[in-house]
Amino acid sequence: MSDDAGWPQAGLDPLRRLRVVAGASKHALYVEHHFDAAPDQVWAVAADLEGELPHIVPGLRSFTAERAADRRADDDRRTDDQLSEGRLSFRAVSVLGHRERFEVVLRPGWCLMQSRLLAGGMAAVPDGSGTRFAFFSAYRSPAGAALQWLRRPGARARGAALMAALQRRIDARSLPGAAPGAAE
């Protein structure tokens, strides 16, 4: 019985979906901001995970896509269907040298990332003449509540700093002749 005729339909745009994911995550940092830039401009920066994410997320030194040949054969879970759905693997390295492998779903206006310890995501939707953008991060470990509690006092400032960094990267890419990832 797959006929849905007559049933109400509801859909969530990427930003609302991210709010749900962040709301379901325990102790998440969630920040939303309006940018006076077109959605494709904002998303071009946000979706450049290797080139831009380390410039936007404080404490992140690098975020590098793993190639199939770089992973152990017994850990290769990606299929052609997953690749077509935008599922990728990345290796994150913090400024302190901590390494974490992230599974990432990347689609237009939507990005969800998770490692064994962290979850995060980004979303962008048109908002008037600009773009509404959101970012969230949360700890996935049992100690996540305590860690998030320790991060809480500066959460608003960290969120504002993240959005300011994204604005600088958008502005840098908007300059004539600017190459992606080239501006600091």
C-alpha atoms as a PDB file:
ATOM      1  CA  MET A   1       0.000   0.000   0.000  1.00  0.00           C
ATOM      2  CA  SER A   2       2.190   2.795  -1.270  1.00  0.00           C
ATOM      3  CA  ASP A   3      -0.469   5.184  -2.531  1.00  0.00           C
ATOM      4  CA  ASP A   4      -0.094   8.418  -0.540  1.00  0.00           C
ATOM      5  CA  ALA A   5      -2.832  10.261  -2.417  1.00  0.00           C
ATOM      6  CA  GLY A   6      -4.919  12.306  -0.065  1.00  0.00           C
ATOM      7  CA  TRP A   7      -2.422  12.168   2.795  1.00  0.00           C
ATOM      8  CA  PRO A   8      -0.866  15.416   3.996  1.00  0.00           C
ATOM      9  CA  GLN A   9       2.751  15.838   2.954  1.00  0.00           C
ATOM     10  CA  ALA A  10       5.404  17.615   4.975  1.00  0.00           C
ATOM     11  CA  GLY A  11       8.980  18.333   4.079  1.00  0.00           C
ATOM     12  CA  LEU A  12      11.797  20.062   5.878  1.00  0.00           C
ATOM     13  CA  ASP A  13      14.346  22.249   4.183  1.00  0.00           C
ATOM     14  CA  PRO A  14      18.020  21.600   5.021  1.00  0.00           C
ATOM     15  CA  LEU A  15      18.096  24.210   7.810  1.00  0.00           C
ATOM     16  CA  ARG A  16      15.046  22.811   9.567  1.00  0.00           C
ATOM     17  CA  ARG A  17      16.439  19.273   9.235  1.00  0.00           C
ATOM     18  CA  LEU A  18      19.673  20.462  10.860  1.00  0.00           C
ATOM     19  CA  ARG A  19      17.693  22.018  13.728  1.00  0.00           C
ATOM     20  CA  VAL A  20      16.028  18.642  14.301  1.00  0.00           C
ATOM     21  CA  VAL A  21      19.364  16.792  14.244  1.00  0.00           C
ATOM     22  CA  ALA A  22      20.943  19.331  16.607  1.00  0.00           C
ATOM     23  CA  GLY A  23      17.897  19.196  18.876  1.00  0.00           C
ATOM     24  CA  ALA A  24      18.103  15.404  19.034  1.00  0.00           C
ATOM     25  CA  SER A  25      21.834  15.574  19.817  1.00  0.00           C
ATOM     26  CA  LYS A  26      22.633  15.871  23.464  1.00  0.00           C
ATOM     27  CA  HIS A  27      24.392  19.057  24.462  1.00  0.00           C
ATOM     28  CA  ALA A  28      24.844  20.466  20.960  1.00  0.00           C
ATOM     29  CA  LEU A  29      26.329  23.830  20.060  1.00  0.00           C
ATOM     30  CA  TYR A  30      23.980  25.304  17.445  1.00  0.00           C
ATOM     31  CA  VAL A  31      24.376  28.670  15.738  1.00  0.00           C
ATOM     32  CA  GLU A  32      22.420  30.292  12.923  1.00  0.00           C
ATOM     33  CA  HIS A  33      23.240  33.450  10.972  1.00  0.00           C
ATOM     34  CA  HIS A  34      21.950  35.471   8.009  1.00  0.00           C
ATOM     35  CA  PHE A  35      24.535  36.312   5.339  1.00  0.00           C
ATOM     36  CA  ASP A  36      24.033  39.018   2.744  1.00  0.00           C
ATOM     37  CA  ALA A  37      25.324  36.698   0.034  1.00  0.00           C
ATOM     38  CA  ALA A  38      23.619  34.338  -2.389  1.00  0.00           C
ATOM     39  CA  PRO A  39      23.181  30.733  -1.213  1.00  0.00           C
ATOM     40  CA  ASP A  40      25.558  29.437  -3.896  1.00  0.00           C
ATOM     41  CA  GLN A  41      28.288  31.826  -2.658  1.00  0.00           C
ATOM     42  CA  VAL A  42      27.851  30.774   0.971  1.00  0.00           C
ATOM     43  CA  TRP A  43      27.640  27.087   0.139  1.00  0.00           C
ATOM     44  CA  ALA A  44      30.673  27.207  -2.175  1.00  0.00           C
ATOM     45  CA  VAL A  45      32.737  28.154   0.868  1.00  0.00           C
ATOM     46  CA  ALA A  46      31.004  25.901   3.414  1.00  0.00           C
ATOM     47  CA  ALA A  47      31.056  22.818   1.157  1.00  0.00           C
ATOM     48  CA  ASP A  48      34.784  23.166   0.428  1.00  0.00           C
ATOM     49  CA  LEU A  49      35.562  21.002   3.420  1.00  0.00           C
ATOM     50  CA  GLU A  50      39.259  20.473   2.678  1.00  0.00           C
ATOM     51  CA  GLY A  51      40.034  24.039   1.644  1.00  0.00           C
ATOM     52  CA  GLU A  52      37.810  26.106   3.913  1.00  0.00           C
ATOM     53  CA  LEU A  53      36.687  24.171   7.015  1.00  0.00           C
ATOM     54  CA  PRO A  54      40.078  24.538   8.761  1.00  0.00           C
ATOM     55  CA  HIS A  55      39.794  28.318   8.267  1.00  0.00           C
ATOM     56  CA  ILE A  56      36.282  28.405   9.696  1.00  0.00           C
ATOM     57  CA  VAL A  57      36.345  25.953  12.616  1.00  0.00           C
ATOM     58  CA  PRO A  58      38.696  27.019  15.409  1.00  0.00           C
ATOM     59  CA  GLY A  59      41.017  24.274  16.545  1.00  0.00           C
ATOM     60  CA  LEU A  60      40.918  22.387  13.244  1.00  0.00           C
ATOM     61  CA  ARG A  61      44.295  22.185  11.490  1.00  0.00           C
ATOM     62  CA  SER A  62      43.213  20.065   8.501  1.00  0.00           C
ATOM     63  CA  PHE A  63      40.247  18.160   7.108  1.00  0.00           C
ATOM     64  CA  THR A  64      41.441  15.876   4.336  1.00  0.00           C
ATOM     65  CA  ALA A  65      39.392  13.599   2.103  1.00  0.00           C
ATOM     66  CA  GLU A  66      40.445   9.992   2.356  1.00  0.00           C
ATOM     67  CA  ARG A  67      40.882   8.171  -0.894  1.00  0.00           C
ATOM     68  CA  ALA A  68      39.811   4.535  -1.130  1.00  0.00           C
ATOM     69  CA  ALA A  69      43.463   3.507  -1.492  1.00  0.00           C
ATOM     70  CA  ASP A  70      44.312   5.336   1.760  1.00  0.00           C
ATOM     71  CA  ARG A  71      42.000   3.172   3.856  1.00  0.00           C
ATOM     72  CA  ARG A  72      42.400  -0.426   4.961  1.00  0.00           C
ATOM     73  CA  ALA A  73      40.590  -2.863   2.662  1.00  0.00           C
ATOM     74  CA  ASP A  74      38.531  -4.295   5.535  1.00  0.00           C
ATOM     75  CA  ASP A  75      37.345  -0.780   6.468  1.00  0.00           C
ATOM     76  CA  ASP A  76      36.201   0.201   2.974  1.00  0.00           C
ATOM     77  CA  ARG A  77      32.451   0.558   3.410  1.00  0.00           C
ATOM     78  CA  ARG A  78      31.793   3.002   0.601  1.00  0.00           C
ATOM     79  CA  THR A  79      29.800   1.750  -2.350  1.00  0.00           C
ATOM     80  CA  ASP A  80      29.034   3.418  -5.657  1.00  0.00           C
ATOM     81  CA  ASP A  81      25.563   4.224  -4.275  1.00  0.00           C
ATOM     82  CA  GLN A  82      27.082   5.946  -1.242  1.00  0.00           C
ATOM     83  CA  LEU A  83      29.413   8.001  -3.419  1.00  0.00           C
ATOM     84  CA  SER A  84      26.507   9.111  -5.603  1.00  0.00           C
ATOM     85  CA  GLU A  85      24.653  10.150  -2.430  1.00  0.00           C
ATOM     86  CA  GLY A  86      27.577  12.358  -1.383  1.00  0.00           C
ATOM     87  CA  ARG A  87      28.940  10.061   1.358  1.00  0.00           C
ATOM     88  CA  LEU A  88      32.633  10.597   1.928  1.00  0.00           C
ATOM     89  CA  SER A  89      35.348   9.963   4.502  1.00  0.00           C
ATOM     90  CA  PHE A  90      37.642  12.653   5.880  1.00  0.00           C
ATOM     91  CA  ARG A  91      40.560  12.704   8.308  1.00  0.00           C
ATOM     92  CA  ALA A  92      40.474  15.639  10.737  1.00  0.00           C
ATOM     93  CA  VAL A  93      43.566  16.795  12.574  1.00  0.00           C
ATOM     94  CA  SER A  94      43.240  19.276  15.435  1.00  0.00           C
ATOM     95  CA  VAL A  95      45.772  21.989  16.205  1.00  0.00           C
ATOM     96  CA  LEU A  96      46.868  19.755  19.104  1.00  0.00           C
ATOM     97  CA  GLY A  97      47.484  16.824  16.736  1.00  0.00           C
ATOM     98  CA  HIS A  98      44.429  14.707  17.639  1.00  0.00           C
ATOM     99  CA  ARG A  99      43.237  12.709  14.615  1.00  0.00           C
ATOM    100  CA  GLU A 100      39.668  11.659  13.990  1.00  0.00           C
ATOM    101  CA  ARG A 101      38.013   9.977  10.985  1.00  0.00           C
ATOM    102  CA  PHE A 102      34.693  11.475   9.888  1.00  0.00           C
ATOM    103  CA  GLU A 103      31.966   9.983   7.752  1.00  0.00           C
ATOM    104  CA  VAL A 104      30.376  12.840   5.822  1.00  0.00           C
ATOM    105  CA  VAL A 105      27.174  13.260   3.836  1.00  0.00           C
ATOM    106  CA  LEU A 106      27.550  16.290   1.574  1.00  0.00           C
ATOM    107  CA  ARG A 107      24.725  17.530  -0.630  1.00  0.00           C
ATOM    108  CA  PRO A 108      23.730  20.968  -1.902  1.00  0.00           C
ATOM    109  CA  GLY A 109      22.853  23.057   1.157  1.00  0.00           C
ATOM    110  CA  TRP A 110      23.373  20.151   3.557  1.00  0.00           C
ATOM    111  CA  CYS A 111      26.342  18.553   5.302  1.00  0.00           C
ATOM    112  CA  LEU A 112      26.342  16.053   8.141  1.00  0.00           C
ATOM    113  CA  MET A 113      29.601  14.816   9.678  1.00  0.00           C
ATOM    114  CA  GLN A 114      30.290  12.305  12.410  1.00  0.00           C
ATOM    115  CA  SER A 115      33.226  10.562  13.974  1.00  0.00           C
ATOM    116  CA  ARG A 116      33.250   8.208  16.924  1.00  0.00           C
ATOM    117  CA  LEU A 117      33.526  11.222  19.284  1.00  0.00           C
ATOM    118  CA  LEU A 118      31.922  14.165  17.468  1.00  0.00           C
ATOM    119  CA  ALA A 119      28.939  15.005  15.301  1.00  0.00           C
ATOM    120  CA  GLY A 120      28.513  18.173  13.295  1.00  0.00           C
ATOM    121  CA  GLY A 121      26.624  19.659  10.449  1.00  0.00           C
ATOM    122  CA  MET A 122      25.931  22.676   8.291  1.00  0.00           C
ATOM    123  CA  ALA A 123      22.952  23.821   6.270  1.00  0.00           C
ATOM    124  CA  ALA A 124      22.136  26.783   4.052  1.00  0.00           C
ATOM    125  CA  VAL A 125      18.848  28.016   2.607  1.00  0.00           C
ATOM    126  CA  PRO A 126      17.769  31.150   0.735  1.00  0.00           C
ATOM    127  CA  ASP A 127      16.582  33.881   3.111  1.00  0.00           C
ATOM    128  CA  GLY A 128      15.235  37.000   1.441  1.00  0.00           C
ATOM    129  CA  SER A 129      18.050  38.474  -0.616  1.00  0.00           C
ATOM    130  CA  GLY A 130      20.668  36.426   1.249  1.00  0.00           C
ATOM    131  CA  THR A 131      21.239  33.117   2.946  1.00  0.00           C
ATOM    132  CA  ARG A 132      20.376  31.655   6.330  1.00  0.00           C
ATOM    133  CA  PHE A 133      23.224  29.378   7.429  1.00  0.00           C
ATOM    134  CA  ALA A 134      23.466  27.080  10.456  1.00  0.00           C
ATOM    135  CA  PHE A 135      26.236  25.060  12.069  1.00  0.00           C
ATOM    136  CA  PHE A 136      26.118  22.574  14.910  1.00  0.00           C
ATOM    137  CA  SER A 137      28.546  20.359  16.771  1.00  0.00           C
ATOM    138  CA  ALA A 138      28.058  17.891  19.593  1.00  0.00           C
ATOM    139  CA  TYR A 139      30.046  15.318  21.492  1.00  0.00           C
ATOM    140  CA  ARG A 140      28.964  11.718  20.937  1.00  0.00           C
ATOM    141  CA  SER A 141      30.905  10.199  23.822  1.00  0.00           C
ATOM    142  CA  PRO A 142      29.424   9.360  27.251  1.00  0.00           C
ATOM    143  CA  ALA A 143      31.501  12.209  28.668  1.00  0.00           C
ATOM    144  CA  GLY A 144      29.882  14.610  26.189  1.00  0.00           C
ATOM    145  CA  ALA A 145      27.624  16.240  28.778  1.00  0.00           C
ATOM    146  CA  ALA A 146      30.573  17.165  30.991  1.00  0.00           C
ATOM    147  CA  LEU A 147      32.658  18.352  28.056  1.00  0.00           C
ATOM    148  CA  GLN A 148      29.804  20.438  26.655  1.00  0.00           C
ATOM    149  CA  TRP A 149      29.175  21.907  30.100  1.00  0.00           C
ATOM    150  CA  LEU A 150      32.818  23.030  30.180  1.00  0.00           C
ATOM    151  CA  ARG A 151      32.421  24.609  26.714  1.00  0.00           C
ATOM    152  CA  ARG A 152      29.126  26.319  27.580  1.00  0.00           C
ATOM    153  CA  PRO A 153      30.423  29.620  29.022  1.00  0.00           C
ATOM    154  CA  GLY A 154      32.011  30.668  25.709  1.00  0.00           C
ATOM    155  CA  ALA A 155      29.531  28.992  23.348  1.00  0.00           C
ATOM    156  CA  ARG A 156      27.908  32.204  22.107  1.00  0.00           C
ATOM    157  CA  ALA A 157      31.297  33.827  21.427  1.00  0.00           C
ATOM    158  CA  ARG A 158      32.572  30.677  19.644  1.00  0.00           C
ATOM    159  CA  GLY A 159      29.462  30.608  17.474  1.00  0.00           C
ATOM    160  CA  ALA A 160      29.877  34.283  16.591  1.00  0.00           C
ATOM    161  CA  ALA A 161      33.577  33.740  15.813  1.00  0.00           C
ATOM    162  CA  LEU A 162      32.737  30.818  13.543  1.00  0.00           C
ATOM    163  CA  MET A 163      30.193  32.886  11.605  1.00  0.00           C
ATOM    164  CA  ALA A 164      32.630  35.821  11.377  1.00  0.00           C
ATOM    165  CA  ALA A 165      35.287  33.469   9.976  1.00  0.00           C
ATOM    166  CA  LEU A 166      32.802  32.168   7.403  1.00  0.00           C
ATOM    167  CA  GLN A 167      31.955  35.767   6.431  1.00  0.00           C
ATOM    168  CA  ARG A 168      35.666  36.546   5.917  1.00  0.00           C
ATOM    169  CA  ARG A 169      36.038  33.467   3.690  1.00  0.00           C
ATOM    170  CA  ILE A 170      32.936  34.416   1.661  1.00  0.00           C
ATOM    171  CA  ASP A 171      34.268  37.957   1.256  1.00  0.00           C
ATOM    172  CA  ALA A 172      37.704  36.676   0.219  1.00  0.00           C
ATOM    173  CA  ARG A 173      36.199  34.453  -2.471  1.00  0.00           C
ATOM    174  CA  SER A 174      34.086  37.335  -3.739  1.00  0.00           C
ATOM    175  CA  LEU A 175      37.160  39.382  -4.595  1.00  0.00           C
ATOM    176  CA  PRO A 176      37.981  39.518  -8.320  1.00  0.00           C
ATOM    177  CA  GLY A 177      40.513  36.843  -9.191  1.00  0.00           C
ATOM    178  CA  ALA A 178      40.260  35.108  -5.818  1.00  0.00           C
ATOM    179  CA  ALA A 179      40.986  31.401  -5.931  1.00  0.00           C
ATOM    180  CA  PRO A 180      39.144  28.983  -3.612  1.00  0.00           C
ATOM    181  CA  GLY A 181      41.069  28.407  -0.392  1.00  0.00           C
ATOM    182  CA  ALA A 182      43.694  31.008  -1.294  1.00  0.00           C
ATOM    183  CA  ALA A 183      42.734  33.783   1.122  1.00  0.00           C
ATOM    184  CA  GLU A 184      43.693  33.657   4.779  1.00  0.00           C
END
